[in-house]
Amino acid sequence: MGRGVYFDIGGGHQLAESDLTKGAENQRQADSSDNVGTKPLLQEISMSIKRVIDVTEKCFLVIIALFTVGAMAQEVMVLIEQRSVALKDLLLMFIYAEVLGMLGAFYSSHRIPITIPLFIAMTALSRLIILQGKDGDPSILLYESGAILLIALACWVISHLNDRD
């Protein structure tokens, strides 16, 4: 017979190595056709999970926007009733506006620039300092103003890194 290794599989039949190779290739094709059915199913499940997460995220962002607008409206009503506006009220309104700006930035670019939450944090700390008034502990004032300084420094570094890119 020809070259190759032969195996006696019983019954007087002989099987060449090339026949074994063809059999192995057929098995691999059968296995891969099983995987082909599995891969699209896994991809479909993965895409479905991603869609659920995306829809949930967008729903929460809409809820945040609605709550922010509601809180702004409540604050405006309080200011109208009091017939007085203080710096702390303006800073609170600025925080609300920044939250809405952050949501707008997310919807336009599908990402949130890191500087927006940092600006919100600086404004919130400034408002906290104003709310504490003159009677507060001076060491706390130093810590809060130091935090504002660190956040401002972080914003400066980030903006310079972005300018370089």
N, C-alpha and C. Protein backbone atom coordinates (compact mmCIF):
# COMPACT_ATOMS: atom_id res chain seq x y z
N MET A 1 0.85 -1.17 0.00
CA MET A 1 0.00 0.00 0.00
C MET A 1 0.90 1.23 0.00
N GLY A 2 0.37 2.36 0.10
CA GLY A 2 1.15 3.58 0.01
C GLY A 2 1.82 3.88 1.33
N ARG A 3 2.40 5.05 1.32
CA ARG A 3 3.05 5.52 2.52
C ARG A 3 2.04 5.81 3.60
N GLY A 4 2.52 5.95 4.79
CA GLY A 4 1.63 6.28 5.87
C GLY A 4 1.52 5.14 6.83
N VAL A 5 0.92 5.44 7.95
CA VAL A 5 0.73 4.44 8.97
C VAL A 5 -0.68 3.92 8.82
N TYR A 6 -0.81 2.64 8.92
CA TYR A 6 -2.13 2.02 8.80
C TYR A 6 -2.53 1.45 10.13
N PHE A 7 -3.79 1.50 10.38
CA PHE A 7 -4.32 0.95 11.59
C PHE A 7 -5.35 -0.09 11.23
N ASP A 8 -5.27 -1.22 11.87
CA ASP A 8 -6.28 -2.25 11.68
C ASP A 8 -7.38 -1.97 12.69
N ILE A 9 -8.57 -1.66 12.19
CA ILE A 9 -9.67 -1.34 13.09
C ILE A 9 -10.64 -2.50 13.21
N GLY A 10 -10.20 -3.63 12.79
CA GLY A 10 -11.03 -4.82 12.92
C GLY A 10 -11.82 -5.06 11.65
N GLY A 11 -12.22 -6.29 11.45
CA GLY A 11 -13.02 -6.64 10.30
C GLY A 11 -12.25 -6.62 9.00
N GLY A 12 -10.91 -6.57 9.09
CA GLY A 12 -10.11 -6.64 7.88
C GLY A 12 -10.01 -5.30 7.16
N HIS A 13 -10.59 -4.22 7.71
CA HIS A 13 -10.49 -2.91 7.05
C HIS A 13 -9.21 -2.22 7.51
N GLN A 14 -8.62 -1.56 6.59
CA GLN A 14 -7.45 -0.78 6.95
C GLN A 14 -7.75 0.70 6.69
N LEU A 15 -7.24 1.56 7.57
CA LEU A 15 -7.51 2.99 7.51
C LEU A 15 -6.17 3.71 7.40
N ALA A 16 -6.02 4.53 6.39
CA ALA A 16 -4.77 5.25 6.18
C ALA A 16 -4.72 6.48 7.09
N GLU A 17 -3.50 7.02 7.28
CA GLU A 17 -3.32 8.22 8.10
C GLU A 17 -4.07 9.39 7.49
N SER A 18 -4.10 9.48 6.17
CA SER A 18 -4.79 10.58 5.51
C SER A 18 -6.29 10.53 5.82
N ASP A 19 -6.82 9.32 5.92
CA ASP A 19 -8.24 9.19 6.28
C ASP A 19 -8.47 9.69 7.71
N LEU A 20 -7.54 9.41 8.61
CA LEU A 20 -7.66 9.90 9.99
C LEU A 20 -7.60 11.43 10.02
N THR A 21 -6.71 11.99 9.21
CA THR A 21 -6.59 13.44 9.16
C THR A 21 -7.89 14.06 8.66
N LYS A 22 -8.47 13.49 7.63
CA LYS A 22 -9.75 13.99 7.12
C LYS A 22 -10.84 13.88 8.18
N GLY A 23 -10.82 12.80 8.92
CA GLY A 23 -11.81 12.62 9.99
C GLY A 23 -11.66 13.66 11.08
N ALA A 24 -10.40 13.96 11.44
CA ALA A 24 -10.15 14.97 12.45
C ALA A 24 -10.58 16.34 11.96
N GLU A 25 -10.33 16.63 10.68
CA GLU A 25 -10.76 17.92 10.12
C GLU A 25 -12.27 18.03 10.13
N ASN A 26 -12.95 16.95 9.77
CA ASN A 26 -14.41 16.95 9.80
C ASN A 26 -14.94 17.18 11.21
N GLN A 27 -14.28 16.58 12.20
CA GLN A 27 -14.71 16.77 13.59
C GLN A 27 -14.50 18.21 14.03
N ARG A 28 -13.33 18.78 13.64
CA ARG A 28 -13.07 20.18 13.99
C ARG A 28 -14.10 21.10 13.35
N GLN A 29 -14.48 20.83 12.11
CA GLN A 29 -15.50 21.64 11.44
C GLN A 29 -16.83 21.52 12.16
N ALA A 30 -17.15 20.30 12.59
CA ALA A 30 -18.40 20.10 13.32
C ALA A 30 -18.35 20.85 14.65
N ASP A 31 -17.19 20.79 15.33
CA ASP A 31 -17.04 21.51 16.59
C ASP A 31 -17.14 23.00 16.37
N SER A 32 -16.48 23.49 15.30
CA SER A 32 -16.51 24.93 15.07
C SER A 32 -17.90 25.38 14.63
N SER A 33 -18.64 24.51 13.94
CA SER A 33 -20.01 24.91 13.57
C SER A 33 -20.88 24.99 14.82
N ASP A 34 -20.58 24.16 15.83
CA ASP A 34 -21.29 24.28 17.10
C ASP A 34 -20.94 25.61 17.76
N ASN A 35 -19.65 26.00 17.71
CA ASN A 35 -19.22 27.26 18.30
C ASN A 35 -19.79 28.45 17.54
N VAL A 36 -19.95 28.31 16.22
CA VAL A 36 -20.51 29.40 15.44
C VAL A 36 -21.92 29.70 15.94
N GLY A 37 -22.67 28.67 16.26
CA GLY A 37 -24.01 28.88 16.81
C GLY A 37 -23.95 29.46 18.21
N THR A 38 -22.92 29.12 18.96
CA THR A 38 -22.79 29.59 20.33
C THR A 38 -22.28 31.03 20.36
N LYS A 39 -21.31 31.37 19.50
CA LYS A 39 -20.73 32.71 19.52
C LYS A 39 -21.78 33.79 19.24
N PRO A 40 -22.59 33.66 18.20
CA PRO A 40 -23.60 34.71 18.00
C PRO A 40 -24.58 34.78 19.16
N LEU A 41 -24.89 33.67 19.77
CA LEU A 41 -25.81 33.68 20.90
C LEU A 41 -25.18 34.44 22.07
N LEU A 42 -23.89 34.17 22.35
CA LEU A 42 -23.21 34.88 23.42
C LEU A 42 -23.08 36.37 23.10
N GLN A 43 -22.79 36.68 21.83
CA GLN A 43 -22.70 38.08 21.42
C GLN A 43 -24.06 38.76 21.54
N GLU A 44 -25.10 38.06 21.19
CA GLU A 44 -26.45 38.62 21.29
C GLU A 44 -26.83 38.87 22.75
N ILE A 45 -26.49 37.94 23.63
CA ILE A 45 -26.77 38.12 25.06
C ILE A 45 -25.96 39.29 25.60
N SER A 46 -24.68 39.37 25.20
CA SER A 46 -23.82 40.47 25.63
C SER A 46 -24.37 41.81 25.16
N MET A 47 -24.82 41.88 23.92
CA MET A 47 -25.39 43.12 23.38
C MET A 47 -26.70 43.46 24.09
N SER A 48 -27.49 42.45 24.43
CA SER A 48 -28.73 42.71 25.16
C SER A 48 -28.45 43.28 26.54
N ILE A 49 -27.47 42.73 27.21
CA ILE A 49 -27.09 43.23 28.53
C ILE A 49 -26.59 44.67 28.42
N LYS A 50 -25.79 44.94 27.39
CA LYS A 50 -25.28 46.30 27.18
C LYS A 50 -26.44 47.27 26.92
N ARG A 51 -27.42 46.85 26.12
CA ARG A 51 -28.58 47.72 25.86
C ARG A 51 -29.36 48.00 27.13
N VAL A 52 -29.54 46.98 27.98
CA VAL A 52 -30.25 47.18 29.24
C VAL A 52 -29.50 48.17 30.13
N ILE A 53 -28.19 48.02 30.20
CA ILE A 53 -27.37 48.93 31.00
C ILE A 53 -27.46 50.35 30.43
N ASP A 54 -27.36 50.49 29.10
CA ASP A 54 -27.44 51.81 28.48
C ASP A 54 -28.79 52.47 28.73
N VAL A 55 -29.87 51.71 28.59
CA VAL A 55 -31.21 52.26 28.82
C VAL A 55 -31.37 52.65 30.28
N THR A 56 -30.88 51.80 31.19
CA THR A 56 -30.96 52.11 32.62
C THR A 56 -30.18 53.37 32.94
N GLU A 57 -28.99 53.49 32.38
CA GLU A 57 -28.18 54.68 32.59
C GLU A 57 -28.90 55.93 32.11
N LYS A 58 -29.47 55.86 30.91
CA LYS A 58 -30.18 57.02 30.36
C LYS A 58 -31.41 57.36 31.19
N CYS A 59 -32.12 56.36 31.69
CA CYS A 59 -33.28 56.61 32.56
C CYS A 59 -32.85 57.33 33.83
N PHE A 60 -31.76 56.88 34.45
CA PHE A 60 -31.28 57.53 35.67
C PHE A 60 -30.81 58.95 35.39
N LEU A 61 -30.19 59.18 34.24
CA LEU A 61 -29.77 60.53 33.90
C LEU A 61 -30.97 61.45 33.70
N VAL A 62 -32.03 60.93 33.09
CA VAL A 62 -33.25 61.73 32.94
C VAL A 62 -33.85 62.02 34.31
N ILE A 63 -33.85 61.02 35.19
CA ILE A 63 -34.38 61.23 36.55
C ILE A 63 -33.55 62.29 37.28
N ILE A 64 -32.22 62.21 37.14
CA ILE A 64 -31.35 63.21 37.77
C ILE A 64 -31.67 64.60 37.23
N ALA A 65 -31.85 64.70 35.91
CA ALA A 65 -32.18 66.00 35.31
C ALA A 65 -33.51 66.51 35.83
N LEU A 66 -34.51 65.65 35.90
CA LEU A 66 -35.82 66.07 36.40
C LEU A 66 -35.75 66.50 37.86
N PHE A 67 -35.05 65.73 38.67
CA PHE A 67 -34.91 66.09 40.08
C PHE A 67 -34.14 67.41 40.25
N THR A 68 -33.13 67.61 39.41
CA THR A 68 -32.36 68.85 39.48
C THR A 68 -33.23 70.05 39.12
N VAL A 69 -34.00 69.91 38.06
CA VAL A 69 -34.91 71.00 37.67
C VAL A 69 -35.96 71.22 38.76
N GLY A 70 -36.47 70.13 39.34
CA GLY A 70 -37.43 70.25 40.44
C GLY A 70 -36.84 70.96 41.65
N ALA A 71 -35.60 70.60 41.99
CA ALA A 71 -34.94 71.24 43.13
C ALA A 71 -34.69 72.72 42.84
N MET A 72 -34.34 73.04 41.59
CA MET A 72 -34.15 74.44 41.22
C MET A 72 -35.46 75.21 41.36
N ALA A 73 -36.53 74.60 40.90
CA ALA A 73 -37.84 75.25 41.00
C ALA A 73 -38.23 75.47 42.46
N GLN A 74 -37.99 74.48 43.31
CA GLN A 74 -38.28 74.64 44.73
C GLN A 74 -37.45 75.78 45.34
N GLU A 75 -36.19 75.83 44.98
CA GLU A 75 -35.32 76.88 45.51
C GLU A 75 -35.78 78.26 45.04
N VAL A 76 -36.18 78.36 43.79
CA VAL A 76 -36.69 79.63 43.27
C VAL A 76 -37.95 80.04 44.02
N MET A 77 -38.83 79.08 44.29
CA MET A 77 -40.07 79.39 45.03
C MET A 77 -39.74 79.89 46.44
N VAL A 78 -38.78 79.28 47.09
CA VAL A 78 -38.37 79.72 48.44
C VAL A 78 -37.81 81.13 48.37
N LEU A 79 -36.99 81.40 47.35
CA LEU A 79 -36.40 82.73 47.22
C LEU A 79 -37.48 83.79 46.95
N ILE A 80 -38.47 83.42 46.16
CA ILE A 80 -39.56 84.35 45.90
C ILE A 80 -40.36 84.62 47.17
N GLU A 81 -40.62 83.57 47.95
CA GLU A 81 -41.34 83.74 49.21
C GLU A 81 -40.54 84.61 50.19
N GLN A 82 -39.25 84.39 50.26
CA GLN A 82 -38.40 85.14 51.19
C GLN A 82 -38.13 86.57 50.70
N ARG A 83 -38.25 86.77 49.42
CA ARG A 83 -37.93 88.06 48.78
C ARG A 83 -36.50 88.49 49.12
N SER A 84 -35.63 87.50 49.12
CA SER A 84 -34.23 87.76 49.46
C SER A 84 -33.36 86.70 48.80
N VAL A 85 -32.23 87.15 48.27
CA VAL A 85 -31.28 86.22 47.66
C VAL A 85 -29.92 86.46 48.30
N ALA A 86 -29.33 85.38 48.80
CA ALA A 86 -28.00 85.46 49.41
C ALA A 86 -26.99 84.72 48.53
N LEU A 87 -25.73 84.92 48.82
CA LEU A 87 -24.68 84.27 48.05
C LEU A 87 -24.80 82.75 48.11
N LYS A 88 -25.18 82.21 49.25
CA LYS A 88 -25.33 80.76 49.38
C LYS A 88 -26.41 80.24 48.43
N ASP A 89 -27.46 81.04 48.21
CA ASP A 89 -28.52 80.64 47.29
C ASP A 89 -28.02 80.64 45.85
N LEU A 90 -27.24 81.64 45.51
CA LEU A 90 -26.67 81.71 44.16
C LEU A 90 -25.72 80.55 43.90
N LEU A 91 -24.92 80.20 44.90
CA LEU A 91 -24.00 79.07 44.74
C LEU A 91 -24.76 77.76 44.58
N LEU A 92 -25.86 77.61 45.30
CA LEU A 92 -26.68 76.41 45.16
C LEU A 92 -27.27 76.34 43.75
N MET A 93 -27.76 77.48 43.25
CA MET A 93 -28.30 77.51 41.89
C MET A 93 -27.20 77.20 40.87
N PHE A 94 -26.00 77.68 41.15
CA PHE A 94 -24.88 77.39 40.26
C PHE A 94 -24.56 75.89 40.26
N ILE A 95 -24.65 75.26 41.41
CA ILE A 95 -24.43 73.80 41.48
C ILE A 95 -25.47 73.08 40.64
N TYR A 96 -26.73 73.49 40.76
CA TYR A 96 -27.78 72.87 39.95
C TYR A 96 -27.50 73.06 38.46
N ALA A 97 -27.09 74.28 38.09
CA ALA A 97 -26.78 74.55 36.68
C ALA A 97 -25.61 73.70 36.20
N GLU A 98 -24.61 73.51 37.05
CA GLU A 98 -23.47 72.68 36.67
C GLU A 98 -23.86 71.21 36.51
N VAL A 99 -24.75 70.73 37.35
CA VAL A 99 -25.24 69.35 37.21
C VAL A 99 -25.94 69.19 35.87
N LEU A 100 -26.79 70.15 35.52
CA LEU A 100 -27.47 70.10 34.23
C LEU A 100 -26.46 70.20 33.08
N GLY A 101 -25.44 71.05 33.25
CA GLY A 101 -24.40 71.15 32.24
C GLY A 101 -23.64 69.85 32.06
N MET A 102 -23.40 69.16 33.17
CA MET A 102 -22.71 67.87 33.11
C MET A 102 -23.56 66.85 32.37
N LEU A 103 -24.87 66.86 32.62
CA LEU A 103 -25.75 65.94 31.91
C LEU A 103 -25.79 66.28 30.42
N GLY A 104 -25.82 67.58 30.11
CA GLY A 104 -25.80 68.00 28.71
C GLY A 104 -24.52 67.58 28.02
N ALA A 105 -23.40 67.72 28.71
CA ALA A 105 -22.11 67.31 28.15
C ALA A 105 -22.09 65.81 27.89
N PHE A 106 -22.70 65.05 28.80
CA PHE A 106 -22.74 63.60 28.61
C PHE A 106 -23.57 63.24 27.38
N TYR A 107 -24.73 63.88 27.22
CA TYR A 107 -25.59 63.56 26.08
C TYR A 107 -24.98 64.00 24.76
N SER A 108 -24.17 65.06 24.75
CA SER A 108 -23.59 65.49 23.49
C SER A 108 -22.35 64.68 23.11
N SER A 109 -21.56 64.27 24.10
CA SER A 109 -20.32 63.57 23.78
C SER A 109 -20.27 62.15 24.31
N HIS A 110 -21.26 61.72 25.08
CA HIS A 110 -21.32 60.39 25.69
C HIS A 110 -20.16 60.13 26.65
N ARG A 111 -19.64 61.21 27.21
CA ARG A 111 -18.64 61.12 28.27
C ARG A 111 -18.73 62.38 29.10
N ILE A 112 -18.25 62.31 30.31
CA ILE A 112 -18.31 63.46 31.21
C ILE A 112 -16.88 63.96 31.42
N PRO A 113 -16.61 65.20 31.01
CA PRO A 113 -15.27 65.74 31.30
C PRO A 113 -15.05 65.80 32.81
N ILE A 114 -13.90 65.39 33.24
CA ILE A 114 -13.61 65.30 34.67
C ILE A 114 -13.64 66.65 35.36
N THR A 115 -13.42 67.72 34.62
CA THR A 115 -13.38 69.05 35.24
C THR A 115 -14.76 69.49 35.74
N ILE A 116 -15.82 69.05 35.10
CA ILE A 116 -17.16 69.50 35.54
C ILE A 116 -17.47 69.04 36.97
N PRO A 117 -17.31 67.76 37.31
CA PRO A 117 -17.54 67.38 38.70
C PRO A 117 -16.58 68.08 39.67
N LEU A 118 -15.37 68.39 39.21
CA LEU A 118 -14.43 69.10 40.07
C LEU A 118 -14.91 70.53 40.33
N PHE A 119 -15.46 71.18 39.31
CA PHE A 119 -16.03 72.53 39.51
C PHE A 119 -17.21 72.47 40.47
N ILE A 120 -18.02 71.43 40.33
CA ILE A 120 -19.16 71.27 41.24
C ILE A 120 -18.66 71.10 42.67
N ALA A 121 -17.61 70.31 42.84
CA ALA A 121 -17.05 70.10 44.19
C ALA A 121 -16.51 71.41 44.77
N MET A 122 -15.83 72.20 43.95
CA MET A 122 -15.31 73.48 44.45
C MET A 122 -16.46 74.40 44.85
N THR A 123 -17.49 74.44 44.04
CA THR A 123 -18.64 75.29 44.36
C THR A 123 -19.33 74.81 45.63
N ALA A 124 -19.47 73.50 45.77
CA ALA A 124 -20.12 72.96 46.97
C ALA A 124 -19.30 73.27 48.23
N LEU A 125 -17.99 73.16 48.13
CA LEU A 125 -17.13 73.50 49.28
C LEU A 125 -17.21 75.00 49.60
N SER A 126 -17.26 75.82 48.57
CA SER A 126 -17.39 77.26 48.79
C SER A 126 -18.71 77.57 49.49
N ARG A 127 -19.76 76.91 49.05
CA ARG A 127 -21.08 77.11 49.68
C ARG A 127 -21.04 76.65 51.14
N LEU A 128 -20.36 75.55 51.39
CA LEU A 128 -20.24 75.04 52.75
C LEU A 128 -19.51 76.04 53.66
N ILE A 129 -18.46 76.64 53.13
CA ILE A 129 -17.72 77.65 53.91
C ILE A 129 -18.63 78.82 54.24
N ILE A 130 -19.41 79.26 53.25
CA ILE A 130 -20.32 80.39 53.48
C ILE A 130 -21.40 80.03 54.48
N LEU A 131 -21.93 78.82 54.41
CA LEU A 131 -22.99 78.40 55.33
C LEU A 131 -22.48 78.32 56.78
N GLN A 132 -21.22 77.97 56.96
CA GLN A 132 -20.68 77.85 58.31
C GLN A 132 -20.55 79.20 59.00
N GLY A 133 -20.35 80.22 58.20
CA GLY A 133 -20.27 81.56 58.79
C GLY A 133 -19.00 81.79 59.58
N LYS A 134 -19.03 82.86 60.36
CA LYS A 134 -17.85 83.28 61.12
C LYS A 134 -17.66 82.49 62.40
N ASP A 135 -18.70 81.81 62.83
CA ASP A 135 -18.63 81.10 64.11
C ASP A 135 -17.98 79.72 64.00
N GLY A 136 -17.63 79.29 62.79
CA GLY A 136 -17.07 77.96 62.61
C GLY A 136 -15.64 77.84 63.11
N ASP A 137 -15.22 76.62 63.26
CA ASP A 137 -13.86 76.31 63.70
C ASP A 137 -12.87 76.72 62.60
N PRO A 138 -11.87 77.54 62.89
CA PRO A 138 -10.93 78.00 61.88
C PRO A 138 -10.15 76.86 61.21
N SER A 139 -9.89 75.80 61.95
CA SER A 139 -9.15 74.69 61.34
C SER A 139 -9.98 74.03 60.23
N ILE A 140 -11.29 73.94 60.43
CA ILE A 140 -12.15 73.36 59.40
C ILE A 140 -12.15 74.25 58.16
N LEU A 141 -12.16 75.56 58.38
CA LEU A 141 -12.08 76.50 57.27
C LEU A 141 -10.79 76.30 56.47
N LEU A 142 -9.70 76.08 57.17
CA LEU A 142 -8.42 75.82 56.49
C LEU A 142 -8.47 74.52 55.68
N TYR A 143 -9.07 73.48 56.26
CA TYR A 143 -9.18 72.20 55.54
C TYR A 143 -10.04 72.36 54.29
N GLU A 144 -11.17 73.03 54.43
CA GLU A 144 -12.07 73.19 53.28
C GLU A 144 -11.44 74.06 52.20
N SER A 145 -10.80 75.14 52.60
CA SER A 145 -10.15 76.00 51.60
C SER A 145 -8.95 75.28 50.98
N GLY A 146 -8.25 74.47 51.76
CA GLY A 146 -7.17 73.65 51.21
C GLY A 146 -7.70 72.65 50.19
N ALA A 147 -8.87 72.09 50.48
CA ALA A 147 -9.48 71.15 49.52
C ALA A 147 -9.84 71.87 48.22
N ILE A 148 -10.36 73.09 48.34
CA ILE A 148 -10.68 73.87 47.14
C ILE A 148 -9.40 74.14 46.35
N LEU A 149 -8.34 74.49 47.04
CA LEU A 149 -7.06 74.74 46.38
C LEU A 149 -6.54 73.49 45.67
N LEU A 150 -6.63 72.34 46.32
CA LEU A 150 -6.19 71.09 45.68
C LEU A 150 -7.03 70.75 44.46
N ILE A 151 -8.32 70.95 44.56
CA ILE A 151 -9.20 70.67 43.41
C ILE A 151 -8.89 71.64 42.27
N ALA A 152 -8.68 72.91 42.60
CA ALA A 152 -8.33 73.89 41.57
C ALA A 152 -7.01 73.53 40.90
N LEU A 153 -6.06 73.06 41.69
CA LEU A 153 -4.78 72.61 41.15
C LEU A 153 -4.98 71.42 40.22
N ALA A 154 -5.83 70.50 40.62
CA ALA A 154 -6.12 69.33 39.77
C ALA A 154 -6.75 69.78 38.45
N CYS A 155 -7.67 70.74 38.51
CA CYS A 155 -8.28 71.27 37.28
C CYS A 155 -7.23 71.90 36.38
N TRP A 156 -6.31 72.65 36.98
CA TRP A 156 -5.25 73.29 36.20
C TRP A 156 -4.37 72.25 35.52
N VAL A 157 -3.98 71.22 36.27
CA VAL A 157 -3.13 70.16 35.71
C VAL A 157 -3.87 69.45 34.57
N ILE A 158 -5.13 69.11 34.80
CA ILE A 158 -5.91 68.40 33.77
C ILE A 158 -6.04 69.26 32.52
N SER A 159 -6.31 70.55 32.69
CA SER A 159 -6.46 71.40 31.50
C SER A 159 -5.13 71.53 30.76
N HIS A 160 -4.03 71.58 31.47
CA HIS A 160 -2.73 71.65 30.79
C HIS A 160 -2.37 70.33 30.11
N LEU A 161 -2.76 69.22 30.70
CA LEU A 161 -2.54 67.92 30.05
C LEU A 161 -3.38 67.81 28.79
N ASN A 162 -4.62 68.29 28.84
CA ASN A 162 -5.49 68.26 27.66
C ASN A 162 -4.97 69.17 26.56
N ASP A 163 -4.38 70.32 26.93
CA ASP A 163 -3.82 71.23 25.94
C ASP A 163 -2.62 70.61 25.23
N ARG A 164 -1.86 69.80 25.95
CA ARG A 164 -0.69 69.15 25.38
C ARG A 164 -1.06 68.08 24.36
N ASP A 165 -2.20 67.42 24.60
CA ASP A 165 -2.64 66.34 23.69
C ASP A 165 -3.21 66.97 22.47
